[in-house]
Each structure stands twice: as structure tokens, then as C-alpha cells.
Protein backbone atom coordinates (compact mmCIF):
# COMPACT_ATOMS: atom_id res chain seq x y z
CA MET A 1 -33.21 -8.37 -17.01
CA LEU A 2 -33.05 -4.94 -18.58
CA LEU A 3 -35.20 -2.23 -17.02
CA GLU A 4 -36.95 0.23 -19.29
CA ALA A 5 -36.88 3.90 -18.54
CA PRO A 6 -40.30 5.36 -17.87
CA LYS A 7 -41.86 7.08 -20.85
CA PRO A 8 -41.65 10.87 -20.59
CA ASP A 9 -44.89 12.70 -19.96
CA PRO A 10 -45.09 15.53 -22.53
CA VAL A 11 -47.30 17.68 -20.28
CA GLN A 12 -44.92 17.34 -17.36
CA ALA A 13 -41.94 18.04 -19.63
CA ALA A 14 -43.62 21.21 -20.94
CA ARG A 15 -44.37 22.35 -17.37
CA ALA A 16 -40.78 21.71 -16.32
CA ALA A 17 -39.44 23.65 -19.31
CA SER A 18 -41.80 26.55 -18.58
CA PHE A 19 -40.76 26.57 -14.93
CA GLU A 20 -37.08 26.58 -15.89
CA ARG A 21 -37.65 29.49 -18.30
CA GLU A 22 -39.41 31.45 -15.56
CA LEU A 23 -36.53 30.79 -13.16
CA TRP A 24 -34.04 32.06 -15.72
CA LEU A 25 -36.13 35.15 -16.44
CA THR A 26 -36.53 35.89 -12.74
CA GLY A 27 -32.79 35.61 -12.26
CA LEU A 28 -32.12 37.92 -15.19
CA ARG A 29 -34.55 40.51 -13.82
CA ALA A 30 -32.77 40.38 -10.46
CA GLU A 31 -29.38 40.68 -12.13
CA ARG A 32 -30.54 43.65 -14.20
CA ALA A 33 -31.96 45.37 -11.09
CA GLU A 34 -28.68 44.84 -9.24
CA LEU A 35 -26.72 46.36 -12.10
CA TYR A 36 -28.92 49.46 -12.02
CA ARG A 37 -28.44 49.62 -8.25
CA LEU A 38 -24.67 49.38 -8.66
CA ARG A 39 -24.81 52.21 -11.18
CA SER A 40 -26.91 54.36 -8.86
CA VAL A 41 -24.26 54.11 -6.13
CA SER A 42 -21.45 54.69 -8.65
CA ARG A 43 -19.94 51.21 -8.33
CA ILE A 44 -20.02 50.79 -12.12
CA ASP A 45 -20.01 53.37 -14.90
CA ASP A 46 -22.54 53.91 -17.68
CA ASP A 47 -20.55 51.98 -20.28
CA THR A 48 -20.24 48.94 -18.03
CA LEU A 49 -23.94 49.09 -17.18
CA ARG A 50 -24.90 49.35 -20.84
CA SER A 51 -22.63 46.48 -21.85
CA LEU A 52 -23.85 44.13 -19.12
CA VAL A 53 -27.51 45.00 -19.62
CA ASP A 54 -27.08 44.36 -23.36
CA GLU A 55 -25.76 40.87 -22.55
CA ILE A 56 -28.70 40.20 -20.24
CA ASP A 57 -31.10 41.43 -22.93
CA LEU A 58 -29.62 39.00 -25.47
CA ILE A 59 -29.88 36.09 -23.05
CA GLU A 60 -33.45 37.02 -22.22
CA ALA A 61 -34.40 37.28 -25.90
CA SER A 62 -32.89 33.86 -26.53
CA ILE A 63 -34.81 32.28 -23.66
CA ARG A 64 -38.06 33.89 -24.72
CA ALA A 65 -37.55 32.81 -28.35
CA ALA A 66 -36.87 29.23 -27.26
CA GLY A 67 -40.08 29.26 -25.23
CA THR A 68 -42.23 30.22 -28.20
CA ALA A 69 -40.84 27.71 -30.67
CA PRO A 70 -43.48 25.42 -32.19
């Protein structure tokens, strides 16, 4: 006897995706704040800060764009 997988609930799937996006965005905010902290105590230089924050910005833009897709 073959068992069928339960049918996905679209509302629950949307909630899970939204929750995952928010987790990612929260993590990126924390990472960005830590980079600014490291710069303020001279652990990294301006170029390194700029480069890493640019990467975070691109990731954030990608996540936000994926969350607004129709």
C-alpha cells in the first residue's frame, strides 16, 4: 500500500515563507550592525566595511524581491 503525502496548505506555506524571509532579514540586520561595530573599534577598515555591506545589501534586495513576486 502506497501512502500519499499530505496536500500542502497554501496559507501555511505562505506563512512559512514569510517567516523564513523575516529570519533572513533579521540575520542580515544583525550582521550589518556587527560590521559597523567592528569598524567603530578599528577591527576592519572602510573598504572592507563597504564591500561586506554591499554584499549584505544585495542579498537583502534579493530576498525582498523574492518576497514580492506575484
